[in-house]
C-alpha atoms as a PDB file:
ATOM      1  CA  UNK A   1     -68.881 -68.323 -31.578  1.00  0.00           C
ATOM      2  CA  UNK A   2     -68.109 -67.397 -27.976  1.00  0.00           C
ATOM      3  CA  UNK A   3     -71.155 -66.047 -26.216  1.00  0.00           C
ATOM      4  CA  UNK A   4     -69.013 -62.991 -25.221  1.00  0.00           C
ATOM      5  CA  UNK A   5     -69.213 -62.016 -28.776  1.00  0.00           C
ATOM      6  CA  UNK A   6     -73.027 -62.022 -28.797  1.00  0.00           C
ATOM      7  CA  UNK A   7     -75.074 -58.945 -27.633  1.00  0.00           C
ATOM      8  CA  UNK A   8     -78.796 -60.362 -27.634  1.00  0.00           C
ATOM      9  CA  UNK A   9     -81.571 -57.783 -27.443  1.00  0.00           C
ATOM     10  CA  UNK A  10     -85.131 -59.096 -26.615  1.00  0.00           C
ATOM     11  CA  UNK A  11     -87.927 -56.908 -28.026  1.00  0.00           C
ATOM     12  CA  UNK A  12     -91.426 -56.384 -27.404  1.00  0.00           C
ATOM     13  CA  UNK A  13     -92.329 -56.470 -31.238  1.00  0.00           C
ATOM     14  CA  UNK A  14     -94.650 -53.636 -31.320  1.00  0.00           C
ATOM     15  CA  UNK A  15     -92.873 -51.091 -29.266  1.00  0.00           C
ATOM     16  CA  UNK A  16     -91.549 -47.752 -29.984  1.00  0.00           C
ATOM     17  CA  UNK A  17     -89.189 -48.118 -27.212  1.00  0.00           C
ATOM     18  CA  UNK A  18     -87.834 -51.566 -28.534  1.00  0.00           C
ATOM     19  CA  UNK A  19     -87.172 -49.761 -32.015  1.00  0.00           C
ATOM     20  CA  UNK A  20     -84.829 -47.059 -30.452  1.00  0.00           C
ATOM     21  CA  UNK A  21     -83.229 -49.806 -28.186  1.00  0.00           C
ATOM     22  CA  UNK A  22     -82.390 -51.761 -31.105  1.00  0.00           C
ATOM     23  CA  UNK A  23     -81.040 -48.632 -33.098  1.00  0.00           C
ATOM     24  CA  UNK A  24     -79.002 -47.661 -30.120  1.00  0.00           C
ATOM     25  CA  UNK A  25     -77.510 -51.051 -29.565  1.00  0.00           C
ATOM     26  CA  UNK A  26     -76.372 -51.428 -32.988  1.00  0.00           C
ATOM     27  CA  UNK A  27     -74.849 -48.020 -33.412  1.00  0.00           C
ATOM     28  CA  UNK A  28     -73.143 -48.357 -29.756  1.00  0.00           C
ATOM     29  CA  UNK A  29     -71.770 -51.945 -30.354  1.00  0.00           C
ATOM     30  CA  UNK A  30     -70.928 -51.457 -34.113  1.00  0.00           C
ATOM     31  CA  UNK A  31     -71.037 -55.227 -34.809  1.00  0.00           C
ATOM     32  CA  UNK A  32     -69.904 -57.169 -37.999  1.00  0.00           C
ATOM     33  CA  UNK A  33     -73.372 -58.845 -38.145  1.00  0.00           C
ATOM     34  CA  UNK A  34     -76.871 -58.022 -37.088  1.00  0.00           C
ATOM     35  CA  UNK A  35     -79.001 -61.269 -36.679  1.00  0.00           C
ATOM     36  CA  UNK A  36     -82.574 -60.837 -36.941  1.00  0.00           C
ATOM     37  CA  UNK A  37     -85.597 -63.237 -35.966  1.00  0.00           C
ATOM     38  CA  UNK A  38     -86.800 -63.298 -39.445  1.00  0.00           C
ATOM     39  CA  UNK A  39     -86.814 -66.000 -42.299  1.00  0.00           C
ATOM     40  CA  UNK A  40     -86.302 -65.206 -45.988  1.00  0.00           C
ATOM     41  CA  UNK A  41     -89.962 -65.162 -46.699  1.00  0.00           C
ATOM     42  CA  UNK A  42     -90.888 -62.758 -43.885  1.00  0.00           C
ATOM     43  CA  UNK A  43     -88.006 -60.493 -44.931  1.00  0.00           C
ATOM     44  CA  UNK A  44     -89.027 -60.495 -48.349  1.00  0.00           C
ATOM     45  CA  UNK A  45     -92.647 -59.460 -47.292  1.00  0.00           C
ATOM     46  CA  UNK A  46     -91.470 -56.984 -45.112  1.00  0.00           C
ATOM     47  CA  UNK A  47     -89.167 -55.304 -47.648  1.00  0.00           C
ATOM     48  CA  UNK A  48     -91.971 -55.342 -50.196  1.00  0.00           C
ATOM     49  CA  UNK A  49     -94.388 -53.870 -47.802  1.00  0.00           C
ATOM     50  CA  UNK A  50     -91.985 -51.175 -47.213  1.00  0.00           C
ATOM     51  CA  UNK A  51     -91.491 -50.311 -50.911  1.00  0.00           C
ATOM     52  CA  UNK A  52     -95.342 -50.449 -51.475  1.00  0.00           C
ATOM     53  CA  UNK A  53     -95.085 -53.774 -53.460  1.00  0.00           C
ATOM     54  CA  UNK A  54     -97.481 -56.670 -52.938  1.00  0.00           C
ATOM     55  CA  UNK A  55     -96.781 -59.348 -50.044  1.00  0.00           C
ATOM     56  CA  UNK A  56     -96.556 -62.981 -51.038  1.00  0.00           C
ATOM     57  CA  UNK A  57     -98.238 -64.502 -47.972  1.00  0.00           C
ATOM     58  CA  UNK A  58     -98.010 -68.060 -46.705  1.00  0.00           C
ATOM     59  CA  UNK A  59    -100.609 -70.281 -48.260  1.00  0.00           C
ATOM     60  CA  UNK A  60    -102.047 -71.339 -44.960  1.00  0.00           C
ATOM     61  CA  UNK A  61    -104.598 -73.787 -46.594  1.00  0.00           C
ATOM     62  CA  UNK A  62    -101.743 -75.686 -48.170  1.00  0.00           C
ATOM     63  CA  UNK A  63     -99.851 -75.808 -44.860  1.00  0.00           C
ATOM     64  CA  UNK A  64    -102.754 -77.348 -43.265  1.00  0.00           C
ATOM     65  CA  UNK A  65    -104.040 -79.503 -45.834  1.00  0.00           C
ATOM     66  CA  UNK A  66    -107.614 -79.285 -45.500  1.00  0.00           C
ATOM     67  CA  UNK A  67    -107.837 -79.760 -41.539  1.00  0.00           C
ATOM     68  CA  UNK A  68    -110.781 -77.531 -40.703  1.00  0.00           C
ATOM     69  CA  UNK A  69    -110.148 -77.107 -37.369  1.00  0.00           C
ATOM     70  CA  UNK A  70    -106.732 -76.066 -38.099  1.00  0.00           C
ATOM     71  CA  UNK A  71    -108.018 -73.741 -40.561  1.00  0.00           C
ATOM     72  CA  UNK A  72    -110.381 -72.069 -37.989  1.00  0.00           C
ATOM     73  CA  UNK A  73    -107.641 -72.243 -35.588  1.00  0.00           C
ATOM     74  CA  UNK A  74    -104.850 -70.339 -37.542  1.00  0.00           C
ATOM     75  CA  UNK A  75    -107.383 -67.933 -38.909  1.00  0.00           C
ATOM     76  CA  UNK A  76    -108.671 -67.238 -35.430  1.00  0.00           C
ATOM     77  CA  UNK A  77    -105.166 -66.924 -34.150  1.00  0.00           C
ATOM     78  CA  UNK A  78    -104.149 -64.378 -36.786  1.00  0.00           C
ATOM     79  CA  UNK A  79    -107.283 -62.266 -36.061  1.00  0.00           C
ATOM     80  CA  UNK A  80    -106.407 -62.217 -32.508  1.00  0.00           C
ATOM     81  CA  UNK A  81    -102.981 -61.137 -32.899  1.00  0.00           C
ATOM     82  CA  UNK A  82    -104.241 -58.432 -35.473  1.00  0.00           C
ATOM     83  CA  UNK A  83    -106.817 -57.264 -32.783  1.00  0.00           C
ATOM     84  CA  UNK A  84    -104.292 -57.191 -29.938  1.00  0.00           C
ATOM     85  CA  UNK A  85    -101.279 -55.381 -31.579  1.00  0.00           C
ATOM     86  CA  UNK A  86    -102.623 -53.725 -34.574  1.00  0.00           C
ATOM     87  CA  UNK A  87    -103.743 -50.049 -34.818  1.00  0.00           C
ATOM     88  CA  UNK A  88    -103.852 -49.670 -30.845  1.00  0.00           C
ATOM     89  CA  UNK A  89    -100.003 -49.396 -30.713  1.00  0.00           C
ATOM     90  CA  UNK A  90     -99.409 -47.423 -33.743  1.00  0.00           C
ATOM     91  CA  UNK A  91     -96.612 -49.767 -34.515  1.00  0.00           C
ATOM     92  CA  UNK A  92     -96.379 -52.384 -37.079  1.00  0.00           C
ATOM     93  CA  UNK A  93     -95.286 -55.983 -35.888  1.00  0.00           C
ATOM     94  CA  UNK A  94     -91.831 -56.547 -37.097  1.00  0.00           C
ATOM     95  CA  UNK A  95     -90.789 -52.773 -37.247  1.00  0.00           C
ATOM     96  CA  UNK A  96     -87.897 -53.370 -34.817  1.00  0.00           C
ATOM     97  CA  UNK A  97     -86.549 -55.952 -37.301  1.00  0.00           C
ATOM     98  CA  UNK A  98     -86.756 -53.405 -40.080  1.00  0.00           C
ATOM     99  CA  UNK A  99     -85.027 -50.956 -37.930  1.00  0.00           C
ATOM    100  CA  UNK A 100     -82.173 -53.274 -37.147  1.00  0.00           C
ATOM    101  CA  UNK A 101     -81.779 -54.207 -40.772  1.00  0.00           C
ATOM    102  CA  UNK A 102     -81.676 -50.459 -41.973  1.00  0.00           C
ATOM    103  CA  UNK A 103     -79.358 -49.667 -39.089  1.00  0.00           C
ATOM    104  CA  UNK A 104     -76.981 -52.504 -40.110  1.00  0.00           C
ATOM    105  CA  UNK A 105     -76.876 -51.171 -43.664  1.00  0.00           C
ATOM    106  CA  UNK A 106     -76.004 -47.652 -42.204  1.00  0.00           C
ATOM    107  CA  UNK A 107     -73.058 -48.915 -40.220  1.00  0.00           C
ATOM    108  CA  UNK A 108     -72.024 -51.244 -42.982  1.00  0.00           C
ATOM    109  CA  UNK A 109     -72.749 -54.303 -40.996  1.00  0.00           C
ATOM    110  CA  UNK A 110     -73.941 -57.646 -42.518  1.00  0.00           C
ATOM    111  CA  UNK A 111     -77.433 -59.070 -42.036  1.00  0.00           C
ATOM    112  CA  UNK A 112     -78.295 -62.627 -41.052  1.00  0.00           C
ATOM    113  CA  UNK A 113     -81.663 -64.033 -41.234  1.00  0.00           C
ATOM    114  CA  UNK A 114     -81.754 -66.732 -38.271  1.00  0.00           C
ATOM    115  CA  UNK A 115     -85.261 -67.828 -37.949  1.00  0.00           C
ATOM    116  CA  UNK A 116     -86.953 -71.053 -39.242  1.00  0.00           C
ATOM    117  CA  UNK A 117     -89.148 -71.042 -42.161  1.00  0.00           C
ATOM    118  CA  UNK A 118     -92.583 -70.027 -41.034  1.00  0.00           C
ATOM    119  CA  UNK A 119     -94.229 -72.758 -43.069  1.00  0.00           C
ATOM    120  CA  UNK A 120     -92.268 -75.365 -41.340  1.00  0.00           C
ATOM    121  CA  UNK A 121     -92.942 -74.026 -37.901  1.00  0.00           C
ATOM    122  CA  UNK A 122     -96.759 -74.043 -38.710  1.00  0.00           C
ATOM    123  CA  UNK A 123     -96.572 -77.446 -40.201  1.00  0.00           C
ATOM    124  CA  UNK A 124     -94.820 -79.024 -37.229  1.00  0.00           C
ATOM    125  CA  UNK A 125     -96.805 -77.188 -34.479  1.00  0.00           C
ATOM    126  CA  UNK A 126    -100.207 -78.417 -36.150  1.00  0.00           C
ATOM    127  CA  UNK A 127     -99.130 -81.871 -36.995  1.00  0.00           C
ATOM    128  CA  UNK A 128     -97.776 -82.497 -33.171  1.00  0.00           C
ATOM    129  CA  UNK A 129    -101.051 -80.944 -31.543  1.00  0.00           C
ATOM    130  CA  UNK A 130    -103.727 -83.171 -30.613  1.00  0.00           C
ATOM    131  CA  UNK A 131    -107.478 -82.597 -31.459  1.00  0.00           C
ATOM    132  CA  UNK A 132    -107.838 -81.593 -27.788  1.00  0.00           C
ATOM    133  CA  UNK A 133    -104.949 -79.287 -27.696  1.00  0.00           C
ATOM    134  CA  UNK A 134    -106.402 -77.556 -30.776  1.00  0.00           C
ATOM    135  CA  UNK A 135    -109.677 -77.176 -29.273  1.00  0.00           C
ATOM    136  CA  UNK A 136    -108.486 -75.920 -25.960  1.00  0.00           C
ATOM    137  CA  UNK A 137    -106.436 -73.223 -28.024  1.00  0.00           C
ATOM    138  CA  UNK A 138    -109.443 -72.149 -30.121  1.00  0.00           C
ATOM    139  CA  UNK A 139    -111.365 -72.133 -26.932  1.00  0.00           C
ATOM    140  CA  UNK A 140    -108.653 -69.673 -25.363  1.00  0.00           C
ATOM    141  CA  UNK A 141    -108.666 -67.465 -28.440  1.00  0.00           C
ATOM    142  CA  UNK A 142    -112.384 -67.135 -28.569  1.00  0.00           C
ATOM    143  CA  UNK A 143    -112.358 -66.282 -24.814  1.00  0.00           C
ATOM    144  CA  UNK A 144    -109.988 -63.526 -25.326  1.00  0.00           C
ATOM    145  CA  UNK A 145    -112.375 -61.733 -27.901  1.00  0.00           C
ATOM    146  CA  UNK A 146    -114.705 -61.365 -25.113  1.00  0.00           C
ATOM    147  CA  UNK A 147    -112.181 -60.225 -22.571  1.00  0.00           C
ATOM    148  CA  UNK A 148    -112.216 -56.381 -21.855  1.00  0.00           C
ATOM    149  CA  UNK A 149    -108.400 -56.423 -21.006  1.00  0.00           C
ATOM    150  CA  UNK A 150    -106.158 -54.756 -23.452  1.00  0.00           C
ATOM    151  CA  UNK A 151    -102.479 -54.404 -23.524  1.00  0.00           C
ATOM    152  CA  UNK A 152    -101.753 -50.699 -22.018  1.00  0.00           C
ATOM    153  CA  UNK A 153     -98.103 -50.845 -21.627  1.00  0.00           C
ATOM    154  CA  UNK A 154     -96.532 -53.161 -24.227  1.00  0.00           C
ATOM    155  CA  UNK A 155     -92.869 -52.696 -22.640  1.00  0.00           C
ATOM    156  CA  UNK A 156     -94.238 -54.991 -19.870  1.00  0.00           C
ATOM    157  CA  UNK A 157     -94.399 -57.974 -21.927  1.00  0.00           C
ATOM    158  CA  UNK A 158     -90.402 -57.699 -21.661  1.00  0.00           C
ATOM    159  CA  UNK A 159     -90.454 -58.213 -17.996  1.00  0.00           C
ATOM    160  CA  UNK A 160     -89.203 -61.693 -16.969  1.00  0.00           C
ATOM    161  CA  UNK A 161     -92.185 -62.354 -14.486  1.00  0.00           C
ATOM    162  CA  UNK A 162     -94.849 -61.160 -17.129  1.00  0.00           C
ATOM    163  CA  UNK A 163     -93.420 -62.863 -19.761  1.00  0.00           C
ATOM    164  CA  UNK A 164     -92.857 -66.337 -18.017  1.00  0.00           C
ATOM    165  CA  UNK A 165     -96.664 -66.056 -16.818  1.00  0.00           C
ATOM    166  CA  UNK A 166     -97.580 -65.807 -20.422  1.00  0.00           C
ATOM    167  CA  UNK A 167     -95.000 -68.536 -21.575  1.00  0.00           C
ATOM    168  CA  UNK A 168     -96.218 -70.826 -18.741  1.00  0.00           C
ATOM    169  CA  UNK A 169     -99.864 -70.365 -19.585  1.00  0.00           C
ATOM    170  CA  UNK A 170     -99.121 -71.050 -23.345  1.00  0.00           C
ATOM    171  CA  UNK A 171     -96.926 -74.019 -22.292  1.00  0.00           C
ATOM    172  CA  UNK A 172     -99.687 -75.551 -20.058  1.00  0.00           C
ATOM    173  CA  UNK A 173    -102.485 -75.015 -22.644  1.00  0.00           C
ATOM    174  CA  UNK A 174    -100.525 -76.773 -25.552  1.00  0.00           C
ATOM    175  CA  UNK A 175     -97.052 -77.864 -24.664  1.00  0.00           C
ATOM    176  CA  UNK A 176     -96.444 -79.479 -27.909  1.00  0.00           C
ATOM    177  CA  UNK A 177     -97.127 -76.280 -29.708  1.00  0.00           C
ATOM    178  CA  UNK A 178     -95.102 -74.222 -27.426  1.00  0.00           C
ATOM    179  CA  UNK A 179     -92.205 -76.646 -27.893  1.00  0.00           C
ATOM    180  CA  UNK A 180     -92.451 -76.140 -31.625  1.00  0.00           C
ATOM    181  CA  UNK A 181     -92.939 -72.241 -31.549  1.00  0.00           C
ATOM    182  CA  UNK A 182     -90.588 -71.288 -28.667  1.00  0.00           C
ATOM    183  CA  UNK A 183     -88.139 -74.203 -27.848  1.00  0.00           C
ATOM    184  CA  UNK A 184     -87.446 -75.469 -31.410  1.00  0.00           C
ATOM    185  CA  UNK A 185     -86.902 -71.975 -32.790  1.00  0.00           C
ATOM    186  CA  UNK A 186     -84.537 -71.175 -29.892  1.00  0.00           C
ATOM    187  CA  UNK A 187     -82.515 -74.206 -30.966  1.00  0.00           C
ATOM    188  CA  UNK A 188     -82.677 -73.410 -34.667  1.00  0.00           C
ATOM    189  CA  UNK A 189     -81.629 -69.767 -33.964  1.00  0.00           C
ATOM    190  CA  UNK A 190     -78.872 -70.669 -31.723  1.00  0.00           C
ATOM    191  CA  UNK A 191     -77.644 -72.996 -34.468  1.00  0.00           C
ATOM    192  CA  UNK A 192     -77.744 -70.498 -36.998  1.00  0.00           C
ATOM    193  CA  UNK A 193     -75.649 -68.118 -34.807  1.00  0.00           C
ATOM    194  CA  UNK A 194     -72.926 -71.037 -34.292  1.00  0.00           C
ATOM    195  CA  UNK A 195     -72.437 -70.650 -38.079  1.00  0.00           C
ATOM    196  CA  UNK A 196     -71.621 -67.089 -38.014  1.00  0.00           C
ATOM    197  CA  UNK A 197     -67.831 -66.724 -37.764  1.00  0.00           C
ATOM    198  CA  UNK A 198     -67.675 -62.930 -37.516  1.00  0.00           C
ATOM    199  CA  UNK A 199     -66.265 -61.229 -34.288  1.00  0.00           C
ATOM    200  CA  UNK A 200     -69.222 -59.385 -33.054  1.00  0.00           C
ATOM    201  CA  UNK A 201     -72.842 -59.819 -33.331  1.00  0.00           C
ATOM    202  CA  UNK A 202     -76.001 -58.122 -32.320  1.00  0.00           C
ATOM    203  CA  UNK A 203     -78.997 -60.491 -32.241  1.00  0.00           C
ATOM    204  CA  UNK A 204     -82.508 -59.032 -32.298  1.00  0.00           C
ATOM    205  CA  UNK A 205     -85.261 -61.296 -31.398  1.00  0.00           C
ATOM    206  CA  UNK A 206     -88.596 -61.261 -29.497  1.00  0.00           C
ATOM    207  CA  UNK A 207     -88.225 -61.250 -25.742  1.00  0.00           C
ATOM    208  CA  UNK A 208     -89.537 -64.832 -25.374  1.00  0.00           C
ATOM    209  CA  UNK A 209     -86.524 -66.117 -27.221  1.00  0.00           C
ATOM    210  CA  UNK A 210     -83.850 -64.267 -25.469  1.00  0.00           C
ATOM    211  CA  UNK A 211     -83.363 -66.789 -22.446  1.00  0.00           C
ATOM    212  CA  UNK A 212     -83.617 -70.015 -24.535  1.00  0.00           C
ATOM    213  CA  UNK A 213     -81.206 -68.661 -27.078  1.00  0.00           C
ATOM    214  CA  UNK A 214     -78.937 -67.466 -24.323  1.00  0.00           C
ATOM    215  CA  UNK A 215     -78.934 -70.885 -22.628  1.00  0.00           C
ATOM    216  CA  UNK A 216     -78.279 -72.751 -25.808  1.00  0.00           C
ATOM    217  CA  UNK A 217     -75.056 -70.544 -26.595  1.00  0.00           C
ATOM    218  CA  UNK A 218     -73.845 -70.835 -23.271  1.00  0.00           C
ATOM    219  CA  UNK A 219     -74.258 -74.626 -23.505  1.00  0.00           C
ATOM    220  CA  UNK A 220     -73.967 -75.455 -27.306  1.00  0.00           C
ATOM    221  CA  UNK A 221     -73.759 -79.279 -26.438  1.00  0.00           C
ATOM    222  CA  UNK A 222     -77.453 -79.119 -25.831  1.00  0.00           C
ATOM    223  CA  UNK A 223     -78.357 -77.883 -29.383  1.00  0.00           C
ATOM    224  CA  UNK A 224     -80.215 -80.645 -31.161  1.00  0.00           C
ATOM    225  CA  UNK A 225     -79.178 -81.706 -34.601  1.00  0.00           C
ATOM    226  CA  UNK A 226     -80.671 -79.272 -37.091  1.00  0.00           C
ATOM    227  CA  UNK A 227     -82.452 -82.167 -39.038  1.00  0.00           C
ATOM    228  CA  UNK A 228     -84.455 -82.537 -35.860  1.00  0.00           C
ATOM    229  CA  UNK A 229     -86.153 -79.327 -36.039  1.00  0.00           C
ATOM    230  CA  UNK A 230     -86.509 -79.120 -39.754  1.00  0.00           C
ATOM    231  CA  UNK A 231     -88.476 -82.429 -40.581  1.00  0.00           C
ATOM    232  CA  UNK A 232     -92.100 -82.153 -41.158  1.00  0.00           C
END
């Protein structure tokens, strides 16, 4: 697919403004396909929650196979995310993805789920992290619990400088996990977009993925074989 046929929207994930931006872009561009940063499991859970049904959560203990530090790491990380972006913002994480899906249905566009299975991402990230990286990451999360800083303006996350600072910090703290969680998923999602043959596509992803996906789509020869980002 040619890059000029793509409209990539980078969202803040917990922003009411992002939800409106997504809806407006889809209605304005009238795409054939709306591609969203979801895998099938997250999509099904999102729809189940919307319909008041029970969600099928990822079995974290199965993913990390008894690694006690990893269990602690993942549980603390999930708690950290819940504290930072939960009730304070008044917007559930993933609401902009649901808005994209609903708006696509309204205009008769197809929906493409382009993210890698979250279980594969977790396994690859934890398998590649050293003991020291895991410990350093846990320390960073623990330190955040005692920080008085809160997210006052979630839209600022989308600002290039702010986002780069966050990404650079994460890259320095755990470069291998960063590679799995960000760079690999950029490549995977770019690969999925290449397989879409429709004329016009609106892509809805977190702001942290917009640059990487755009670069891969501009230089498709740099996209690694799909097998390289799927093995665990």
